[in-house]
Amino acid sequence: MIMIKGNEMIENNETITTDTEGIYMRNYQDTLVERCFGFDNRTFTMNVYQYAHNPMELYEANQNQPRLNIMNYANTDLGEVAHYKGIPMRLRWNPVIREMMMTGNYRIRYRGGSKPQYGFVRNQHNTLAEYADTFAIYPK
């Protein structure tokens, strides 16, 4: 079982420091696994990112978190599509966010820069949850 307390994840009585409060950051090269793909009667192998955390465990571990006032992150910019933006990753597993995602009317986009200490180099508008600093909520 995984328990999250502040900026630490406690797993089997071990304390692991995380940057995103809930998702243990790994070296990016360790996240890649080989996958075979087929196309036009040919197959090829690529290294692809493998999602390693269990969102249901993270939601369960954070179910006692104080309810987030989502209106603090409401987007007031005209011409922007996101309803809410700049939400810190420590709030990703909040019950309010879970309820929004359960409606099926929203999607999340993770935001953040590269994390060279983990070997993760990527555009800040196209990052993975594991390496994100904030996230935005968009309508589907």
N, C-alpha and C. Protein backbone atom coordinates (compact mmCIF):
# COMPACT_ATOMS: atom_id res chain seq x y z
N MET A 1 0.84 -1.19 0.00
CA MET A 1 0.00 0.00 0.00
C MET A 1 0.87 1.24 0.00
N ILE A 2 0.45 2.25 -0.72
CA ILE A 2 1.18 3.50 -0.81
C ILE A 2 0.43 4.56 -0.02
N MET A 3 1.14 5.27 0.84
CA MET A 3 0.54 6.38 1.58
C MET A 3 1.31 7.63 1.22
N ILE A 4 0.61 8.73 1.10
CA ILE A 4 1.25 9.98 0.74
C ILE A 4 1.06 10.96 1.88
N LYS A 5 2.16 11.56 2.28
CA LYS A 5 2.11 12.52 3.37
C LYS A 5 2.99 13.70 2.96
N GLY A 6 2.37 14.84 2.69
CA GLY A 6 3.14 16.01 2.29
C GLY A 6 3.87 15.76 0.99
N ASN A 7 5.20 15.85 1.04
CA ASN A 7 6.02 15.65 -0.15
C ASN A 7 6.74 14.32 -0.09
N GLU A 8 6.18 13.37 0.66
CA GLU A 8 6.82 12.07 0.80
C GLU A 8 5.82 10.96 0.51
N MET A 9 6.30 9.91 -0.09
CA MET A 9 5.47 8.76 -0.34
C MET A 9 6.05 7.63 0.50
N ILE A 10 5.22 7.01 1.30
CA ILE A 10 5.67 5.94 2.18
C ILE A 10 5.17 4.63 1.61
N GLU A 11 6.09 3.78 1.20
CA GLU A 11 5.75 2.52 0.56
C GLU A 11 6.51 1.42 1.29
N ASN A 12 5.81 0.49 1.89
CA ASN A 12 6.43 -0.60 2.64
C ASN A 12 7.41 -0.06 3.67
N ASN A 13 6.97 0.96 4.42
CA ASN A 13 7.76 1.59 5.48
C ASN A 13 9.02 2.28 4.98
N GLU A 14 9.13 2.58 3.69
CA GLU A 14 10.24 3.35 3.16
C GLU A 14 9.74 4.75 2.87
N THR A 15 10.58 5.75 3.09
CA THR A 15 10.22 7.12 2.76
C THR A 15 10.93 7.50 1.47
N ILE A 16 10.16 7.93 0.49
CA ILE A 16 10.69 8.31 -0.80
C ILE A 16 10.27 9.74 -1.07
N THR A 17 11.22 10.62 -1.35
CA THR A 17 10.89 11.99 -1.66
C THR A 17 10.45 12.08 -3.11
N THR A 18 9.37 12.78 -3.35
CA THR A 18 8.87 12.97 -4.71
C THR A 18 8.78 14.45 -5.00
N ASP A 19 8.89 14.81 -6.26
CA ASP A 19 8.75 16.21 -6.64
C ASP A 19 7.30 16.56 -6.94
N THR A 20 6.48 15.59 -7.30
CA THR A 20 5.11 15.88 -7.69
C THR A 20 4.10 15.44 -6.64
N GLU A 21 4.55 15.09 -5.47
CA GLU A 21 3.67 14.70 -4.36
C GLU A 21 2.70 13.61 -4.76
N GLY A 22 3.20 12.43 -4.89
CA GLY A 22 2.33 11.31 -5.16
C GLY A 22 2.87 10.40 -6.23
N ILE A 23 3.62 10.93 -7.15
CA ILE A 23 4.17 10.11 -8.22
C ILE A 23 5.69 10.11 -8.04
N TYR A 24 6.25 8.96 -7.87
CA TYR A 24 7.69 8.83 -7.70
C TYR A 24 8.38 9.07 -9.03
N MET A 25 9.22 10.08 -9.10
CA MET A 25 9.93 10.38 -10.35
C MET A 25 11.06 9.38 -10.54
N ARG A 26 11.13 8.82 -11.75
CA ARG A 26 12.17 7.86 -12.09
C ARG A 26 13.05 8.46 -13.17
N ASN A 27 14.23 7.91 -13.33
CA ASN A 27 15.08 8.29 -14.44
C ASN A 27 14.31 7.96 -15.71
N TYR A 28 14.25 8.91 -16.63
CA TYR A 28 13.42 8.73 -17.83
C TYR A 28 13.82 7.48 -18.62
N GLN A 29 15.09 7.16 -18.69
CA GLN A 29 15.53 5.98 -19.44
C GLN A 29 14.98 4.70 -18.81
N ASP A 30 14.75 4.71 -17.50
CA ASP A 30 14.17 3.54 -16.82
C ASP A 30 12.68 3.39 -17.08
N THR A 31 12.02 4.44 -17.58
CA THR A 31 10.58 4.38 -17.84
C THR A 31 10.27 3.79 -19.21
N LEU A 32 11.28 3.66 -20.05
CA LEU A 32 11.06 3.19 -21.42
C LEU A 32 11.08 1.68 -21.49
N VAL A 33 10.12 1.11 -22.20
CA VAL A 33 10.06 -0.33 -22.43
C VAL A 33 9.90 -0.57 -23.93
N GLU A 34 10.37 -1.72 -24.38
CA GLU A 34 10.24 -2.05 -25.79
C GLU A 34 8.83 -2.53 -26.09
N ARG A 35 8.27 -2.02 -27.18
CA ARG A 35 6.95 -2.45 -27.64
C ARG A 35 7.04 -2.75 -29.13
N CYS A 36 6.36 -3.79 -29.56
CA CYS A 36 6.32 -4.14 -30.99
C CYS A 36 5.05 -3.58 -31.60
N PHE A 37 5.19 -3.01 -32.80
CA PHE A 37 4.08 -2.46 -33.53
C PHE A 37 4.07 -3.06 -34.92
N GLY A 38 2.88 -3.23 -35.48
CA GLY A 38 2.77 -3.77 -36.82
C GLY A 38 2.12 -2.77 -37.75
N PHE A 39 2.63 -2.72 -38.99
CA PHE A 39 2.09 -1.81 -39.99
C PHE A 39 2.44 -2.33 -41.37
N ASP A 40 1.43 -2.49 -42.24
CA ASP A 40 1.65 -2.97 -43.62
C ASP A 40 2.47 -4.26 -43.65
N ASN A 41 2.04 -5.25 -42.90
CA ASN A 41 2.70 -6.56 -42.85
C ASN A 41 4.15 -6.49 -42.38
N ARG A 42 4.50 -5.44 -41.69
CA ARG A 42 5.84 -5.31 -41.11
C ARG A 42 5.68 -5.04 -39.62
N THR A 43 6.66 -5.44 -38.86
CA THR A 43 6.66 -5.11 -37.44
C THR A 43 7.95 -4.38 -37.12
N PHE A 44 7.86 -3.50 -36.18
CA PHE A 44 9.05 -2.80 -35.72
C PHE A 44 8.92 -2.58 -34.22
N THR A 45 10.05 -2.37 -33.59
CA THR A 45 10.11 -2.21 -32.14
C THR A 45 10.52 -0.79 -31.80
N MET A 46 9.82 -0.22 -30.83
CA MET A 46 10.14 1.13 -30.35
C MET A 46 10.20 1.11 -28.83
N ASN A 47 10.99 2.02 -28.28
CA ASN A 47 10.99 2.23 -26.84
C ASN A 47 9.93 3.27 -26.53
N VAL A 48 8.99 2.93 -25.67
CA VAL A 48 7.91 3.84 -25.31
C VAL A 48 7.82 3.99 -23.79
N TYR A 49 7.27 5.12 -23.36
CA TYR A 49 7.10 5.39 -21.94
C TYR A 49 6.06 4.45 -21.34
N GLN A 50 6.34 3.92 -20.15
CA GLN A 50 5.36 3.09 -19.45
C GLN A 50 4.95 3.77 -18.16
N TYR A 51 3.66 4.03 -18.07
CA TYR A 51 3.03 4.64 -16.90
C TYR A 51 3.19 3.68 -15.74
N ALA A 52 3.74 4.12 -14.60
CA ALA A 52 4.05 3.18 -13.54
C ALA A 52 3.20 3.33 -12.28
N HIS A 53 2.49 4.43 -12.13
CA HIS A 53 1.74 4.60 -10.89
C HIS A 53 0.28 4.21 -11.08
N ASN A 54 -0.35 3.86 -10.01
CA ASN A 54 -1.75 3.44 -10.03
C ASN A 54 -2.62 4.62 -9.56
N PRO A 55 -3.36 5.24 -10.47
CA PRO A 55 -4.15 6.41 -10.08
C PRO A 55 -5.18 6.09 -9.00
N MET A 56 -5.74 4.91 -9.00
CA MET A 56 -6.75 4.58 -7.98
C MET A 56 -6.13 4.56 -6.59
N GLU A 57 -4.90 4.07 -6.46
CA GLU A 57 -4.21 4.10 -5.17
C GLU A 57 -3.94 5.53 -4.73
N LEU A 58 -3.56 6.39 -5.69
CA LEU A 58 -3.28 7.78 -5.36
C LEU A 58 -4.55 8.51 -4.94
N TYR A 59 -5.67 8.27 -5.62
CA TYR A 59 -6.94 8.87 -5.21
C TYR A 59 -7.33 8.39 -3.82
N GLU A 60 -7.17 7.09 -3.57
CA GLU A 60 -7.53 6.53 -2.27
C GLU A 60 -6.67 7.11 -1.15
N ALA A 61 -5.38 7.25 -1.42
CA ALA A 61 -4.46 7.78 -0.41
C ALA A 61 -4.74 9.25 -0.11
N ASN A 62 -5.36 9.96 -1.04
CA ASN A 62 -5.63 11.39 -0.86
C ASN A 62 -7.09 11.71 -0.60
N GLN A 63 -7.90 10.71 -0.30
CA GLN A 63 -9.33 10.95 -0.13
C GLN A 63 -9.64 11.83 1.08
N ASN A 64 -8.75 11.92 2.05
CA ASN A 64 -8.98 12.77 3.23
C ASN A 64 -8.37 14.16 3.07
N GLN A 65 -7.85 14.47 1.89
CA GLN A 65 -7.29 15.78 1.61
C GLN A 65 -8.41 16.81 1.69
N PRO A 66 -8.13 18.01 2.21
CA PRO A 66 -9.19 19.04 2.23
C PRO A 66 -9.67 19.33 0.81
N ARG A 67 -10.97 19.57 0.68
CA ARG A 67 -11.55 19.80 -0.66
C ARG A 67 -10.99 21.09 -1.25
N LEU A 68 -10.59 20.99 -2.49
CA LEU A 68 -10.01 22.09 -3.24
C LEU A 68 -11.10 23.06 -3.68
N ASN A 69 -10.85 24.36 -3.54
CA ASN A 69 -11.74 25.37 -4.12
C ASN A 69 -11.25 25.59 -5.54
N ILE A 70 -11.82 24.88 -6.48
CA ILE A 70 -11.36 24.89 -7.87
C ILE A 70 -11.48 26.27 -8.50
N MET A 71 -12.34 27.12 -7.98
CA MET A 71 -12.52 28.46 -8.54
C MET A 71 -11.27 29.33 -8.36
N ASN A 72 -10.38 28.96 -7.43
CA ASN A 72 -9.12 29.69 -7.27
C ASN A 72 -8.24 29.56 -8.51
N TYR A 73 -8.49 28.54 -9.33
CA TYR A 73 -7.68 28.28 -10.51
C TYR A 73 -8.48 28.49 -11.80
N ALA A 74 -9.63 29.14 -11.71
CA ALA A 74 -10.46 29.38 -12.89
C ALA A 74 -9.71 30.27 -13.87
N ASN A 75 -9.85 29.96 -15.15
CA ASN A 75 -9.19 30.72 -16.20
C ASN A 75 -10.09 31.87 -16.62
N THR A 76 -9.59 33.09 -16.47
CA THR A 76 -10.38 34.27 -16.83
C THR A 76 -9.92 34.90 -18.14
N ASP A 77 -8.89 34.34 -18.76
CA ASP A 77 -8.38 34.89 -20.03
C ASP A 77 -9.36 34.59 -21.15
N LEU A 78 -9.73 35.61 -21.89
CA LEU A 78 -10.59 35.41 -23.04
C LEU A 78 -9.79 34.75 -24.16
N GLY A 79 -10.41 33.87 -24.88
CA GLY A 79 -9.74 33.20 -25.98
C GLY A 79 -9.00 31.94 -25.57
N GLU A 80 -8.93 31.66 -24.29
CA GLU A 80 -8.27 30.43 -23.82
C GLU A 80 -9.32 29.34 -23.69
N VAL A 81 -8.93 28.11 -23.96
CA VAL A 81 -9.87 27.00 -23.92
C VAL A 81 -9.94 26.36 -22.54
N ALA A 82 -8.83 26.34 -21.82
CA ALA A 82 -8.79 25.68 -20.51
C ALA A 82 -9.76 26.36 -19.55
N HIS A 83 -10.51 25.54 -18.80
CA HIS A 83 -11.41 26.09 -17.78
C HIS A 83 -10.63 26.46 -16.52
N TYR A 84 -9.65 25.61 -16.18
CA TYR A 84 -8.84 25.83 -14.98
C TYR A 84 -7.39 25.58 -15.36
N LYS A 85 -6.48 26.41 -14.87
CA LYS A 85 -5.08 26.19 -15.20
C LYS A 85 -4.17 26.62 -14.05
N GLY A 86 -2.93 26.13 -14.09
CA GLY A 86 -1.96 26.46 -13.06
C GLY A 86 -2.18 25.73 -11.76
N ILE A 87 -2.87 24.61 -11.79
CA ILE A 87 -3.15 23.85 -10.57
C ILE A 87 -1.90 23.03 -10.22
N PRO A 88 -1.35 23.18 -9.01
CA PRO A 88 -0.14 22.43 -8.65
C PRO A 88 -0.39 20.92 -8.62
N MET A 89 0.63 20.15 -8.95
CA MET A 89 0.50 18.70 -9.00
C MET A 89 0.13 18.09 -7.65
N ARG A 90 0.44 18.77 -6.55
CA ARG A 90 0.09 18.21 -5.24
C ARG A 90 -1.43 18.11 -5.08
N LEU A 91 -2.19 18.84 -5.92
CA LEU A 91 -3.65 18.80 -5.85
C LEU A 91 -4.26 17.87 -6.89
N ARG A 92 -3.44 17.18 -7.69
CA ARG A 92 -3.95 16.34 -8.77
C ARG A 92 -4.86 15.24 -8.27
N TRP A 93 -4.63 14.72 -7.09
CA TRP A 93 -5.38 13.57 -6.58
C TRP A 93 -6.46 14.00 -5.59
N ASN A 94 -6.81 15.28 -5.59
CA ASN A 94 -7.83 15.82 -4.71
C ASN A 94 -9.20 15.25 -5.10
N PRO A 95 -10.09 15.01 -4.11
CA PRO A 95 -11.42 14.49 -4.42
C PRO A 95 -12.22 15.36 -5.39
N VAL A 96 -12.05 16.67 -5.38
CA VAL A 96 -12.77 17.54 -6.30
C VAL A 96 -12.35 17.25 -7.74
N ILE A 97 -11.05 17.08 -7.96
CA ILE A 97 -10.55 16.77 -9.30
C ILE A 97 -11.07 15.40 -9.74
N ARG A 98 -11.08 14.45 -8.82
CA ARG A 98 -11.58 13.12 -9.17
C ARG A 98 -13.04 13.19 -9.60
N GLU A 99 -13.85 13.93 -8.86
CA GLU A 99 -15.26 14.06 -9.20
C GLU A 99 -15.43 14.69 -10.59
N MET A 100 -14.61 15.67 -10.91
CA MET A 100 -14.68 16.29 -12.23
C MET A 100 -14.33 15.28 -13.32
N MET A 101 -13.30 14.50 -13.09
CA MET A 101 -12.86 13.53 -14.09
C MET A 101 -13.88 12.40 -14.26
N MET A 102 -14.59 12.07 -13.20
CA MET A 102 -15.59 10.99 -13.25
C MET A 102 -16.78 11.37 -14.12
N THR A 103 -17.01 12.68 -14.34
CA THR A 103 -18.13 13.08 -15.19
C THR A 103 -17.87 12.75 -16.65
N GLY A 104 -16.61 12.65 -17.03
CA GLY A 104 -16.27 12.37 -18.42
C GLY A 104 -16.32 13.60 -19.30
N ASN A 105 -16.52 14.77 -18.72
CA ASN A 105 -16.64 16.00 -19.50
C ASN A 105 -15.33 16.78 -19.59
N TYR A 106 -14.30 16.34 -18.90
CA TYR A 106 -13.05 17.08 -18.84
C TYR A 106 -11.87 16.18 -19.17
N ARG A 107 -10.75 16.82 -19.54
CA ARG A 107 -9.49 16.12 -19.72
C ARG A 107 -8.40 16.96 -19.08
N ILE A 108 -7.32 16.31 -18.70
CA ILE A 108 -6.22 16.99 -18.03
C ILE A 108 -5.03 17.04 -18.97
N ARG A 109 -4.36 18.18 -18.97
CA ARG A 109 -3.10 18.34 -19.70
C ARG A 109 -2.05 18.77 -18.68
N TYR A 110 -0.96 18.03 -18.65
CA TYR A 110 0.12 18.30 -17.70
C TYR A 110 1.07 19.34 -18.27
N ARG A 111 1.59 20.20 -17.40
CA ARG A 111 2.49 21.27 -17.82
C ARG A 111 3.75 21.23 -16.97
N GLY A 112 4.86 21.52 -17.59
CA GLY A 112 6.12 21.59 -16.87
C GLY A 112 7.27 21.52 -17.83
N GLY A 113 8.41 21.95 -17.37
CA GLY A 113 9.60 21.95 -18.20
C GLY A 113 10.35 20.64 -18.10
N SER A 114 11.52 20.65 -18.69
CA SER A 114 12.37 19.47 -18.66
C SER A 114 12.89 19.24 -17.25
N LYS A 115 13.21 18.01 -16.95
CA LYS A 115 13.80 17.64 -15.66
C LYS A 115 15.14 16.95 -15.95
N PRO A 116 16.20 17.74 -16.18
CA PRO A 116 17.48 17.14 -16.56
C PRO A 116 18.04 16.19 -15.51
N GLN A 117 17.70 16.41 -14.24
CA GLN A 117 18.20 15.52 -13.19
C GLN A 117 17.65 14.10 -13.35
N TYR A 118 16.54 13.95 -14.08
CA TYR A 118 15.95 12.64 -14.35
C TYR A 118 16.14 12.23 -15.81
N GLY A 119 16.84 13.04 -16.59
CA GLY A 119 17.04 12.72 -18.00
C GLY A 119 15.82 12.97 -18.86
N PHE A 120 14.88 13.77 -18.37
CA PHE A 120 13.64 14.05 -19.09
C PHE A 120 13.75 15.42 -19.77
N VAL A 121 13.79 15.42 -21.09
CA VAL A 121 13.86 16.66 -21.85
C VAL A 121 12.63 16.70 -22.77
N ARG A 122 11.80 17.72 -22.57
CA ARG A 122 10.55 17.76 -23.32
C ARG A 122 10.01 19.18 -23.37
N ASN A 123 9.19 19.47 -24.33
CA ASN A 123 8.51 20.75 -24.44
C ASN A 123 7.61 20.93 -23.22
N GLN A 124 7.55 22.13 -22.67
CA GLN A 124 6.77 22.35 -21.44
C GLN A 124 5.27 22.15 -21.63
N HIS A 125 4.79 22.20 -22.88
CA HIS A 125 3.36 22.01 -23.11
C HIS A 125 3.02 20.57 -23.46
N ASN A 126 3.98 19.68 -23.38
CA ASN A 126 3.75 18.29 -23.72
C ASN A 126 4.57 17.42 -22.78
N THR A 127 4.19 17.38 -21.52
CA THR A 127 4.96 16.65 -20.53
C THR A 127 4.14 15.49 -19.99
N LEU A 128 4.76 14.63 -19.22
CA LEU A 128 4.12 13.47 -18.62
C LEU A 128 3.77 13.79 -17.17
N ALA A 129 2.76 13.14 -16.63
CA ALA A 129 2.31 13.39 -15.26
C ALA A 129 3.45 13.23 -14.26
N GLU A 130 4.29 12.27 -14.52
CA GLU A 130 5.39 11.97 -13.61
C GLU A 130 6.36 13.15 -13.47
N TYR A 131 6.49 13.98 -14.49
CA TYR A 131 7.46 15.06 -14.50
C TYR A 131 6.81 16.45 -14.53
N ALA A 132 5.51 16.52 -14.33
CA ALA A 132 4.79 17.80 -14.43
C ALA A 132 4.93 18.63 -13.15
N ASP A 133 4.82 19.94 -13.32
CA ASP A 133 4.80 20.87 -12.19
C ASP A 133 3.37 21.31 -11.89
N THR A 134 2.59 21.53 -12.95
CA THR A 134 1.19 21.94 -12.82
C THR A 134 0.37 21.19 -13.85
N PHE A 135 -0.95 21.40 -13.80
CA PHE A 135 -1.82 20.84 -14.82
C PHE A 135 -2.98 21.78 -15.08
N ALA A 136 -3.61 21.58 -16.23
CA ALA A 136 -4.76 22.39 -16.63
C ALA A 136 -5.92 21.44 -16.94
N ILE A 137 -7.13 21.92 -16.77
CA ILE A 137 -8.31 21.12 -17.04
C ILE A 137 -9.07 21.74 -18.21
N TYR A 138 -9.29 20.92 -19.23
CA TYR A 138 -9.95 21.35 -20.46
C TYR A 138 -11.29 20.62 -20.62
N PRO A 139 -12.25 21.24 -21.30
CA PRO A 139 -13.48 20.51 -21.62
C PRO A 139 -13.19 19.53 -22.75
N LYS A 140 -13.93 18.43 -22.80
CA LYS A 140 -13.76 17.46 -23.89
C LYS A 140 -14.49 17.92 -25.11
